[in-house]
Amino acid sequence: MEFTHPEVLKIEKLSKVYGVGNIEVRAVDHVDLIASGGEIILIMGPSGSGKTTLITIAGALLKPTSGSVYIDGQNIVTLPERERIWLRRNKIGFVFQAFNLLSNLTTSENVFIPLGLSGINRSLARKKVDGLLEEFDLGNRASFTPEKLSGGEKQRVSIARALVNDPKLILADEPTANLDSQRGREVMRLLRSVAKNMGKTVIIVSHDQRLMEIADRVLWMEDGRIKAFENLEADPNCGASVEVRSSTPKLDYRGKKYFFCSKDCKSEYVQKNKIPASYF
C-alpha cells in the first residue's frame, strides 16, 4: 500500500551557521525539502557535509540559525522548548547507528521507555510493546538484554522503540553502518515496510549505497547544500559516491575517466592496477 499524505516534513530556507567572519562554517546552507507520508528519502554525502546537522534540526534537537521546519504543518523552530519536547516524543522517532539501547534494560523495557515518558496507561502500553515485538520477530527476545542480541536484532529493537508512540516522521542516522550485509538488508526491508505499510515518512542519512535500493528519492548533500544526485560517480577504489563537478582527484586512463573521493584513494587505485605514471 502506498501513502502520499503531503508535507509531513517541510523545510524552508534552512541554515545553521557556526562561528563568524573568517571562521564561519555553514553546516546547513539554505536547504529546502518536502517529504510526504509513506516516502523514503535517502540523503548521502561526504563526512562533514551537513547531513547529521540537517536531521538533528529536523528532529527538534537543534535550533537553526534561520529558516523554518514544519512537521505536520507546525513550525517547530518557533515552539518553546516544552512543546518541542512533546513533539519529539509524539511525532518523531529516532533510529541511531549505535542503537542507543540501555544496557541494563531488557528488549521490552527499552521499547517501553517512550510510552512511559508519555504517561500512557501501563496495560495499554504493554500491549503496544508486545505487538511491535511480535511484528518485528522479537517476541522471543523480549526478556533479553542488549548484550544477548545480534546487531540486526538491536537495530530492530531501536526501530520498534522509534515507532512505539506512533510518530509520523522517522529520522535514521546511518542505520545500517554497524551491520553486515545480511543484517543490513533485513533492516532495509524493515524500514521500507515502516514507510509503505505504516505510512511513516522515513528520512535516512547514510554513506551506505545499499539503501538506494529502498529509497523513493536519493539526495546528495555537500557543503551544507542539497545537490542533484545525477552528477555522482562511484570511486573505483573504495566505492564511495563522488560528486563529479567538485571532485579534485581524477584519472584519465585508456579512454575512461575515473573520479576519487581523495588523493589516497587515487594513489591506492593506481598502485593496485599498476597504472603508468604517464597517465597521471
C-alpha atoms as a PDB file:
ATOM      1  CA  MET A   1       0.000   0.000   0.000  1.00  0.00           C
ATOM      2  CA  GLU A   2       1.365   3.431  -0.955  1.00  0.00           C
ATOM      3  CA  PHE A   3       0.855   6.521   1.222  1.00  0.00           C
ATOM      4  CA  THR A   4       1.111  10.010  -0.231  1.00  0.00           C
ATOM      5  CA  HIS A   5      -0.029  12.365   2.508  1.00  0.00           C
ATOM      6  CA  PRO A   6       1.575  15.729   1.664  1.00  0.00           C
ATOM      7  CA  GLU A   7       4.094  17.625   3.695  1.00  0.00           C
ATOM      8  CA  VAL A   8       4.657  15.565   6.798  1.00  0.00           C
ATOM      9  CA  LEU A   9       8.015  17.365   6.795  1.00  0.00           C
ATOM     10  CA  LYS A  10       8.627  20.702   5.104  1.00  0.00           C
ATOM     11  CA  ILE A  11      11.948  22.529   5.348  1.00  0.00           C
ATOM     12  CA  GLU A  12      12.273  26.072   4.000  1.00  0.00           C
ATOM     13  CA  LYS A  13      15.478  28.116   3.556  1.00  0.00           C
ATOM     14  CA  LEU A  14      17.101  26.301   6.468  1.00  0.00           C
ATOM     15  CA  SER A  15      20.591  27.363   7.575  1.00  0.00           C
ATOM     16  CA  LYS A  16      22.840  26.545  10.508  1.00  0.00           C
ATOM     17  CA  VAL A  17      25.961  28.699  10.863  1.00  0.00           C
ATOM     18  CA  TYR A  18      28.785  28.223  13.354  1.00  0.00           C
ATOM     19  CA  GLY A  19      31.347  30.959  14.021  1.00  0.00           C
ATOM     20  CA  VAL A  20      31.624  34.390  12.410  1.00  0.00           C
ATOM     21  CA  GLY A  21      33.818  36.125   9.875  1.00  0.00           C
ATOM     22  CA  ASN A  22      36.811  34.127   8.658  1.00  0.00           C
ATOM     23  CA  ILE A  23      35.919  31.127  10.818  1.00  0.00           C
ATOM     24  CA  GLU A  24      32.271  30.959   9.756  1.00  0.00           C
ATOM     25  CA  VAL A  25      31.092  27.454   8.848  1.00  0.00           C
ATOM     26  CA  ARG A  26      27.720  26.971   7.134  1.00  0.00           C
ATOM     27  CA  ALA A  27      26.865  23.439   8.242  1.00  0.00           C
ATOM     28  CA  VAL A  28      23.451  23.749   6.554  1.00  0.00           C
ATOM     29  CA  ASP A  29      23.058  26.361   3.840  1.00  0.00           C
ATOM     30  CA  HIS A  30      19.588  27.433   2.629  1.00  0.00           C
ATOM     31  CA  VAL A  31      18.124  23.933   2.328  1.00  0.00           C
ATOM     32  CA  ASP A  32      14.585  23.333   1.052  1.00  0.00           C
ATOM     33  CA  LEU A  33      12.938  19.912   1.341  1.00  0.00           C
ATOM     34  CA  ILE A  34       9.417  18.458   1.341  1.00  0.00           C
ATOM     35  CA  ALA A  35       8.756  14.848   2.421  1.00  0.00           C
ATOM     36  CA  SER A  36       5.406  13.076   2.198  1.00  0.00           C
ATOM     37  CA  GLY A  37       3.820  10.292   4.210  1.00  0.00           C
ATOM     38  CA  GLY A  38       4.918   6.850   3.037  1.00  0.00           C
ATOM     39  CA  GLU A  39       8.045   8.272   1.414  1.00  0.00           C
ATOM     40  CA  ILE A  40      11.653   7.200   2.000  1.00  0.00           C
ATOM     41  CA  ILE A  41      14.270   9.857   1.329  1.00  0.00           C
ATOM     42  CA  LEU A  42      17.946   8.932   1.451  1.00  0.00           C
ATOM     43  CA  ILE A  43      20.425  11.790   1.924  1.00  0.00           C
ATOM     44  CA  MET A  44      24.004  10.914   1.017  1.00  0.00           C
ATOM     45  CA  GLY A  45      27.207  12.917   1.003  1.00  0.00           C
ATOM     46  CA  PRO A  46      30.757  13.033   2.361  1.00  0.00           C
ATOM     47  CA  SER A  47      31.552  13.306   6.055  1.00  0.00           C
ATOM     48  CA  GLY A  48      31.096  16.871   7.264  1.00  0.00           C
ATOM     49  CA  SER A  49      28.606  17.710   4.522  1.00  0.00           C
ATOM     50  CA  GLY A  50      25.842  18.692   6.975  1.00  0.00           C
ATOM     51  CA  LYS A  51      23.666  15.547   6.782  1.00  0.00           C
ATOM     52  CA  THR A  52      23.547  14.851  10.502  1.00  0.00           C
ATOM     53  CA  THR A  53      23.120  18.540  11.348  1.00  0.00           C
ATOM     54  CA  LEU A  54      20.130  18.675   8.982  1.00  0.00           C
ATOM     55  CA  ILE A  55      18.248  15.769  10.566  1.00  0.00           C
ATOM     56  CA  THR A  56      19.199  16.921  14.058  1.00  0.00           C
ATOM     57  CA  ILE A  57      17.413  20.207  13.305  1.00  0.00           C
ATOM     58  CA  ALA A  58      14.519  18.337  11.663  1.00  0.00           C
ATOM     59  CA  GLY A  59      14.249  16.261  14.839  1.00  0.00           C
ATOM     60  CA  ALA A  60      13.836  19.367  17.029  1.00  0.00           C
ATOM     61  CA  LEU A  61      17.119  18.600  18.811  1.00  0.00           C
ATOM     62  CA  LEU A  62      18.953  21.670  17.480  1.00  0.00           C
ATOM     63  CA  LYS A  63      17.715  25.120  16.527  1.00  0.00           C
ATOM     64  CA  PRO A  64      18.737  26.554  13.155  1.00  0.00           C
ATOM     65  CA  THR A  65      20.296  29.956  12.574  1.00  0.00           C
ATOM     66  CA  SER A  66      17.487  30.769  10.133  1.00  0.00           C
ATOM     67  CA  GLY A  67      14.693  29.127   8.198  1.00  0.00           C
ATOM     68  CA  SER A  68      11.682  27.005   9.088  1.00  0.00           C
ATOM     69  CA  VAL A  69      10.904  23.344   9.748  1.00  0.00           C
ATOM     70  CA  TYR A  70       7.271  22.247   9.605  1.00  0.00           C
ATOM     71  CA  ILE A  71       6.178  18.881  10.951  1.00  0.00           C
ATOM     72  CA  ASP A  72       2.559  18.052  10.307  1.00  0.00           C
ATOM     73  CA  GLY A  73       2.000  21.727   9.432  1.00  0.00           C
ATOM     74  CA  GLN A  74       3.531  23.139  12.632  1.00  0.00           C
ATOM     75  CA  ASN A  75       6.693  25.262  12.585  1.00  0.00           C
ATOM     76  CA  ILE A  76       8.837  23.576  15.232  1.00  0.00           C
ATOM     77  CA  VAL A  77      11.526  26.289  15.127  1.00  0.00           C
ATOM     78  CA  THR A  78       9.295  28.820  16.902  1.00  0.00           C
ATOM     79  CA  LEU A  79       7.974  26.438  19.553  1.00  0.00           C
ATOM     80  CA  PRO A  80       9.007  26.862  23.196  1.00  0.00           C
ATOM     81  CA  GLU A  81      11.222  24.045  24.469  1.00  0.00           C
ATOM     82  CA  ARG A  82       8.422  22.375  26.437  1.00  0.00           C
ATOM     83  CA  GLU A  83       6.374  21.940  23.267  1.00  0.00           C
ATOM     84  CA  ARG A  84       9.436  20.775  21.323  1.00  0.00           C
ATOM     85  CA  ILE A  85       9.936  18.021  23.898  1.00  0.00           C
ATOM     86  CA  TRP A  86       6.311  16.928  23.474  1.00  0.00           C
ATOM     87  CA  LEU A  87       6.718  16.936  19.692  1.00  0.00           C
ATOM     88  CA  ARG A  88       9.896  14.805  19.842  1.00  0.00           C
ATOM     89  CA  ARG A  89       8.110  12.250  21.999  1.00  0.00           C
ATOM     90  CA  ASN A  90       4.940  12.019  19.945  1.00  0.00           C
ATOM     91  CA  LYS A  91       5.621  12.925  16.305  1.00  0.00           C
ATOM     92  CA  ILE A  92       9.253  11.925  15.707  1.00  0.00           C
ATOM     93  CA  GLY A  93      11.044   8.604  16.021  1.00  0.00           C
ATOM     94  CA  PHE A  94      14.845   8.350  16.014  1.00  0.00           C
ATOM     95  CA  VAL A  95      17.000   5.463  14.799  1.00  0.00           C
ATOM     96  CA  PHE A  96      20.735   5.679  15.507  1.00  0.00           C
ATOM     97  CA  GLN A  97      23.852   3.980  14.171  1.00  0.00           C
ATOM     98  CA  ALA A  98      24.932   2.916  17.680  1.00  0.00           C
ATOM     99  CA  PHE A  99      21.392   1.698  18.595  1.00  0.00           C
ATOM    100  CA  ASN A 100      21.415   3.711  21.895  1.00  0.00           C
ATOM    101  CA  LEU A 101      19.778   0.923  23.888  1.00  0.00           C
ATOM    102  CA  LEU A 102      20.077   0.963  27.679  1.00  0.00           C
ATOM    103  CA  SER A 103      22.289  -1.994  28.564  1.00  0.00           C
ATOM    104  CA  ASN A 104      20.660  -2.774  31.911  1.00  0.00           C
ATOM    105  CA  LEU A 105      17.130  -2.950  30.443  1.00  0.00           C
ATOM    106  CA  THR A 106      15.505  -5.784  28.522  1.00  0.00           C
ATOM    107  CA  THR A 107      14.293  -5.527  24.929  1.00  0.00           C
ATOM    108  CA  SER A 108      10.750  -4.993  26.154  1.00  0.00           C
ATOM    109  CA  GLU A 109      11.790  -2.320  28.650  1.00  0.00           C
ATOM    110  CA  ASN A 110      13.846  -0.432  26.046  1.00  0.00           C
ATOM    111  CA  VAL A 111      10.857  -0.252  23.694  1.00  0.00           C
ATOM    112  CA  PHE A 112       8.580   0.738  26.586  1.00  0.00           C
ATOM    113  CA  ILE A 113      10.598   3.873  27.506  1.00  0.00           C
ATOM    114  CA  PRO A 114       8.867   6.390  25.174  1.00  0.00           C
ATOM    115  CA  LEU A 115       5.439   5.212  26.315  1.00  0.00           C
ATOM    116  CA  GLY A 116       6.426   5.560  29.963  1.00  0.00           C
ATOM    117  CA  LEU A 117       7.629   9.112  29.335  1.00  0.00           C
ATOM    118  CA  SER A 118       4.319   9.941  27.644  1.00  0.00           C
ATOM    119  CA  GLY A 119       2.314   8.692  30.609  1.00  0.00           C
ATOM    120  CA  ILE A 120       0.277   6.117  28.668  1.00  0.00           C
ATOM    121  CA  ASN A 121      -1.712   3.561  30.696  1.00  0.00           C
ATOM    122  CA  ARG A 122       0.696   0.752  31.588  1.00  0.00           C
ATOM    123  CA  SER A 123      -1.602  -2.058  30.479  1.00  0.00           C
ATOM    124  CA  LEU A 124      -2.217  -0.426  27.088  1.00  0.00           C
ATOM    125  CA  ALA A 125       1.487   0.333  26.758  1.00  0.00           C
ATOM    126  CA  ARG A 126       2.368  -3.306  27.422  1.00  0.00           C
ATOM    127  CA  LYS A 127       0.023  -4.447  24.654  1.00  0.00           C
ATOM    128  CA  LYS A 128       1.585  -1.989  22.201  1.00  0.00           C
ATOM    129  CA  VAL A 129       5.107  -3.109  23.070  1.00  0.00           C
ATOM    130  CA  ASP A 130       4.260  -6.814  22.834  1.00  0.00           C
ATOM    131  CA  GLY A 131       2.515  -6.256  19.497  1.00  0.00           C
ATOM    132  CA  LEU A 132       5.504  -4.436  17.999  1.00  0.00           C
ATOM    133  CA  LEU A 133       7.972  -7.045  19.234  1.00  0.00           C
ATOM    134  CA  GLU A 134       5.922  -9.814  17.630  1.00  0.00           C
ATOM    135  CA  GLU A 135       5.613  -7.840  14.391  1.00  0.00           C
ATOM    136  CA  PHE A 136       9.387  -7.337  14.281  1.00  0.00           C
ATOM    137  CA  ASP A 137      10.080 -11.006  15.101  1.00  0.00           C
ATOM    138  CA  LEU A 138      11.455 -10.091  18.515  1.00  0.00           C
ATOM    139  CA  GLY A 139       8.839 -11.726  20.731  1.00  0.00           C
ATOM    140  CA  ASN A 140      11.252 -14.443  21.832  1.00  0.00           C
ATOM    141  CA  ARG A 141      13.848 -11.779  22.681  1.00  0.00           C
ATOM    142  CA  ALA A 142      11.601  -9.660  24.916  1.00  0.00           C
ATOM    143  CA  SER A 143      13.433 -10.553  28.134  1.00  0.00           C
ATOM    144  CA  PHE A 144      16.944 -10.355  26.633  1.00  0.00           C
ATOM    145  CA  THR A 145      19.287  -7.504  27.496  1.00  0.00           C
ATOM    146  CA  PRO A 146      21.198  -5.872  24.601  1.00  0.00           C
ATOM    147  CA  GLU A 147      24.430  -7.861  25.048  1.00  0.00           C
ATOM    148  CA  LYS A 148      22.489 -11.043  24.205  1.00  0.00           C
ATOM    149  CA  LEU A 149      21.182  -9.616  20.899  1.00  0.00           C
ATOM    150  CA  SER A 150      22.794  -9.596  17.460  1.00  0.00           C
ATOM    151  CA  GLY A 151      23.471  -6.289  15.717  1.00  0.00           C
ATOM    152  CA  GLY A 152      20.429  -6.734  13.496  1.00  0.00           C
ATOM    153  CA  GLU A 153      18.223  -7.513  16.487  1.00  0.00           C
ATOM    154  CA  LYS A 154      19.475  -4.435  18.323  1.00  0.00           C
ATOM    155  CA  GLN A 155      18.589  -2.246  15.359  1.00  0.00           C
ATOM    156  CA  ARG A 156      15.124  -3.833  15.110  1.00  0.00           C
ATOM    157  CA  VAL A 157      14.626  -3.025  18.798  1.00  0.00           C
ATOM    158  CA  SER A 158      15.741   0.544  18.063  1.00  0.00           C
ATOM    159  CA  ILE A 159      13.222   0.836  15.221  1.00  0.00           C
ATOM    160  CA  ALA A 160      10.444  -0.636  17.388  1.00  0.00           C
ATOM    161  CA  ARG A 161      11.248   1.939  20.068  1.00  0.00           C
ATOM    162  CA  ALA A 162      11.111   4.713  17.448  1.00  0.00           C
ATOM    163  CA  LEU A 163       7.645   3.558  16.355  1.00  0.00           C
ATOM    164  CA  VAL A 164       6.002   2.761  19.674  1.00  0.00           C
ATOM    165  CA  ASN A 165       4.477   6.260  20.088  1.00  0.00           C
ATOM    166  CA  ASP A 166       3.136   6.113  16.504  1.00  0.00           C
ATOM    167  CA  PRO A 167       5.074   9.132  15.167  1.00  0.00           C
ATOM    168  CA  LYS A 168       4.603  10.459  11.645  1.00  0.00           C
ATOM    169  CA  LEU A 169       8.318  11.019  10.993  1.00  0.00           C
ATOM    170  CA  ILE A 170      11.231   8.590  11.374  1.00  0.00           C
ATOM    171  CA  LEU A 171      14.768  10.025  11.252  1.00  0.00           C
ATOM    172  CA  ALA A 172      17.537   7.449  10.788  1.00  0.00           C
ATOM    173  CA  ASP A 173      21.247   8.285  11.071  1.00  0.00           C
ATOM    174  CA  GLU A 174      23.434   5.576   9.446  1.00  0.00           C
ATOM    175  CA  PRO A 175      21.008   2.768  10.433  1.00  0.00           C
ATOM    176  CA  THR A 176      22.985   0.015   8.651  1.00  0.00           C
ATOM    177  CA  ALA A 177      26.547   1.203   9.275  1.00  0.00           C
ATOM    178  CA  ASN A 178      27.312  -1.299  12.064  1.00  0.00           C
ATOM    179  CA  LEU A 179      25.669  -4.274  10.327  1.00  0.00           C
ATOM    180  CA  ASP A 180      26.925  -6.936   7.959  1.00  0.00           C
ATOM    181  CA  SER A 181      25.331  -7.421   4.549  1.00  0.00           C
ATOM    182  CA  GLN A 182      22.577  -9.800   5.660  1.00  0.00           C
ATOM    183  CA  ARG A 183      21.579  -7.867   8.782  1.00  0.00           C
ATOM    184  CA  GLY A 184      21.793  -4.596   6.864  1.00  0.00           C
ATOM    185  CA  ARG A 185      19.339  -5.844   4.264  1.00  0.00           C
ATOM    186  CA  GLU A 186      16.963  -7.029   6.992  1.00  0.00           C
ATOM    187  CA  VAL A 187      16.935  -3.514   8.450  1.00  0.00           C
ATOM    188  CA  MET A 188      16.482  -2.041   4.957  1.00  0.00           C
ATOM    189  CA  ARG A 189      13.401  -4.192   4.345  1.00  0.00           C
ATOM    190  CA  LEU A 190      12.023  -3.235   7.742  1.00  0.00           C
ATOM    191  CA  LEU A 191      12.481   0.499   7.076  1.00  0.00           C
ATOM    192  CA  ARG A 192      10.724   0.133   3.728  1.00  0.00           C
ATOM    193  CA  SER A 193       7.828  -1.659   5.458  1.00  0.00           C
ATOM    194  CA  VAL A 194       7.662   1.149   8.032  1.00  0.00           C
ATOM    195  CA  ALA A 195       7.158   3.649   5.208  1.00  0.00           C
ATOM    196  CA  LYS A 196       4.982   1.681   2.804  1.00  0.00           C
ATOM    197  CA  ASN A 197       2.836  -0.384   5.185  1.00  0.00           C
ATOM    198  CA  MET A 198       2.637   2.006   8.140  1.00  0.00           C
ATOM    199  CA  GLY A 199       2.601   5.274   6.185  1.00  0.00           C
ATOM    200  CA  LYS A 200       5.529   6.855   8.010  1.00  0.00           C
ATOM    201  CA  THR A 201       7.859   9.405   6.440  1.00  0.00           C
ATOM    202  CA  VAL A 202      11.387   7.985   6.667  1.00  0.00           C
ATOM    203  CA  ILE A 203      14.439  10.241   6.256  1.00  0.00           C
ATOM    204  CA  ILE A 204      17.772   8.406   6.205  1.00  0.00           C
ATOM    205  CA  VAL A 205      21.253   9.919   6.152  1.00  0.00           C
ATOM    206  CA  SER A 206      23.955   7.433   5.255  1.00  0.00           C
ATOM    207  CA  HIS A 207      27.073   6.542   3.270  1.00  0.00           C
ATOM    208  CA  ASP A 208      25.639   3.057   2.602  1.00  0.00           C
ATOM    209  CA  GLN A 209      24.790   2.811  -1.091  1.00  0.00           C
ATOM    210  CA  ARG A 210      22.703  -0.336  -0.465  1.00  0.00           C
ATOM    211  CA  LEU A 211      19.997   1.957   0.913  1.00  0.00           C
ATOM    212  CA  MET A 212      19.465   3.368  -2.567  1.00  0.00           C
ATOM    213  CA  GLU A 213      17.523   0.165  -3.306  1.00  0.00           C
ATOM    214  CA  ILE A 214      14.687   1.122  -0.944  1.00  0.00           C
ATOM    215  CA  ALA A 215      14.674   4.922  -1.330  1.00  0.00           C
ATOM    216  CA  ASP A 216      11.994   6.784  -3.271  1.00  0.00           C
ATOM    217  CA  ARG A 217      14.386   9.720  -3.638  1.00  0.00           C
ATOM    218  CA  VAL A 218      18.148   9.963  -3.230  1.00  0.00           C
ATOM    219  CA  LEU A 219      19.594  13.398  -2.479  1.00  0.00           C
ATOM    220  CA  TRP A 220      23.240  14.438  -2.345  1.00  0.00           C
ATOM    221  CA  MET A 221      24.413  16.875   0.319  1.00  0.00           C
ATOM    222  CA  GLU A 222      27.735  18.686   0.176  1.00  0.00           C
ATOM    223  CA  ASP A 223      28.976  21.907   1.802  1.00  0.00           C
ATOM    224  CA  GLY A 224      25.635  22.246   3.571  1.00  0.00           C
ATOM    225  CA  ARG A 225      23.596  22.189   0.364  1.00  0.00           C
ATOM    226  CA  ILE A 226      21.463  19.576  -1.331  1.00  0.00           C
ATOM    227  CA  LYS A 227      22.538  18.915  -4.909  1.00  0.00           C
ATOM    228  CA  ALA A 228      21.330  16.835  -7.826  1.00  0.00           C
ATOM    229  CA  PHE A 229      22.247  13.189  -7.481  1.00  0.00           C
ATOM    230  CA  GLU A 230      22.731  12.710 -11.235  1.00  0.00           C
ATOM    231  CA  ASN A 231      26.291  14.094 -11.063  1.00  0.00           C
ATOM    232  CA  LEU A 232      27.652  11.214  -8.973  1.00  0.00           C
ATOM    233  CA  GLU A 233      30.200   8.553  -9.868  1.00  0.00           C
ATOM    234  CA  ALA A 234      31.485   5.650  -7.780  1.00  0.00           C
ATOM    235  CA  ASP A 235      35.077   5.825  -6.565  1.00  0.00           C
ATOM    236  CA  PRO A 236      36.622   2.699  -8.200  1.00  0.00           C
ATOM    237  CA  ASN A 237      38.871   2.142  -5.193  1.00  0.00           C
ATOM    238  CA  CYS A 238      36.544   2.394  -2.187  1.00  0.00           C
ATOM    239  CA  GLY A 239      33.088   2.516  -3.805  1.00  0.00           C
ATOM    240  CA  ALA A 240      32.096   5.842  -2.245  1.00  0.00           C
ATOM    241  CA  SER A 241      29.865   8.200  -4.202  1.00  0.00           C
ATOM    242  CA  VAL A 242      31.787  11.170  -5.611  1.00  0.00           C
ATOM    243  CA  GLU A 243      30.230  14.443  -6.809  1.00  0.00           C
ATOM    244  CA  VAL A 244      31.846  14.826 -10.238  1.00  0.00           C
ATOM    245  CA  ARG A 245      31.906  18.607 -10.523  1.00  0.00           C
ATOM    246  CA  SER A 246      33.672  19.112  -7.199  1.00  0.00           C
ATOM    247  CA  SER A 247      35.880  16.037  -7.311  1.00  0.00           C
ATOM    248  CA  THR A 248      39.560  17.056  -7.345  1.00  0.00           C
ATOM    249  CA  PRO A 249      41.324  13.670  -7.739  1.00  0.00           C
ATOM    250  CA  LYS A 250      40.637  12.434 -11.290  1.00  0.00           C
ATOM    251  CA  LEU A 251      42.268   9.962 -13.643  1.00  0.00           C
ATOM    252  CA  ASP A 252      42.066   9.578 -17.437  1.00  0.00           C
ATOM    253  CA  TYR A 253      43.098   6.043 -18.302  1.00  0.00           C
ATOM    254  CA  ARG A 254      42.648   4.262 -21.621  1.00  0.00           C
ATOM    255  CA  GLY A 255      39.817   6.496 -22.734  1.00  0.00           C
ATOM    256  CA  LYS A 256      37.858   6.399 -19.461  1.00  0.00           C
ATOM    257  CA  LYS A 257      37.555   8.964 -16.669  1.00  0.00           C
ATOM    258  CA  TYR A 258      37.773   7.872 -13.031  1.00  0.00           C
ATOM    259  CA  PHE A 259      36.799  10.016 -10.046  1.00  0.00           C
ATOM    260  CA  PHE A 260      38.066   9.579  -6.494  1.00  0.00           C
ATOM    261  CA  CYS A 261      36.947  10.744  -3.076  1.00  0.00           C
ATOM    262  CA  SER A 262      40.530  11.507  -2.021  1.00  0.00           C
ATOM    263  CA  LYS A 263      44.125  11.562  -3.242  1.00  0.00           C
ATOM    264  CA  ASP A 264      44.825   8.482  -1.105  1.00  0.00           C
ATOM    265  CA  CYS A 265      42.112   6.501  -2.889  1.00  0.00           C
ATOM    266  CA  LYS A 266      43.506   7.567  -6.264  1.00  0.00           C
ATOM    267  CA  SER A 267      47.029   6.572  -5.212  1.00  0.00           C
ATOM    268  CA  GLU A 268      45.886   3.152  -3.963  1.00  0.00           C
ATOM    269  CA  TYR A 269      43.954   2.517  -7.177  1.00  0.00           C
ATOM    270  CA  VAL A 270      46.934   3.482  -9.338  1.00  0.00           C
ATOM    271  CA  GLN A 271      49.270   1.212  -7.350  1.00  0.00           C
ATOM    272  CA  LYS A 272      46.904  -1.777  -7.292  1.00  0.00           C
ATOM    273  CA  ASN A 273      46.299  -1.563 -11.040  1.00  0.00           C
ATOM    274  CA  LYS A 274      49.935  -0.729 -11.917  1.00  0.00           C
ATOM    275  CA  ILE A 275      48.927   2.296 -13.994  1.00  0.00           C
ATOM    276  CA  PRO A 276      51.923   4.008 -15.637  1.00  0.00           C
ATOM    277  CA  ALA A 277      52.868   7.456 -14.376  1.00  0.00           C
ATOM    278  CA  SER A 278      52.279   8.908 -17.847  1.00  0.00           C
ATOM    279  CA  TYR A 279      48.506   8.685 -17.262  1.00  0.00           C
ATOM    280  CA  PHE A 280      48.522  10.982 -14.218  1.00  0.00           C
END
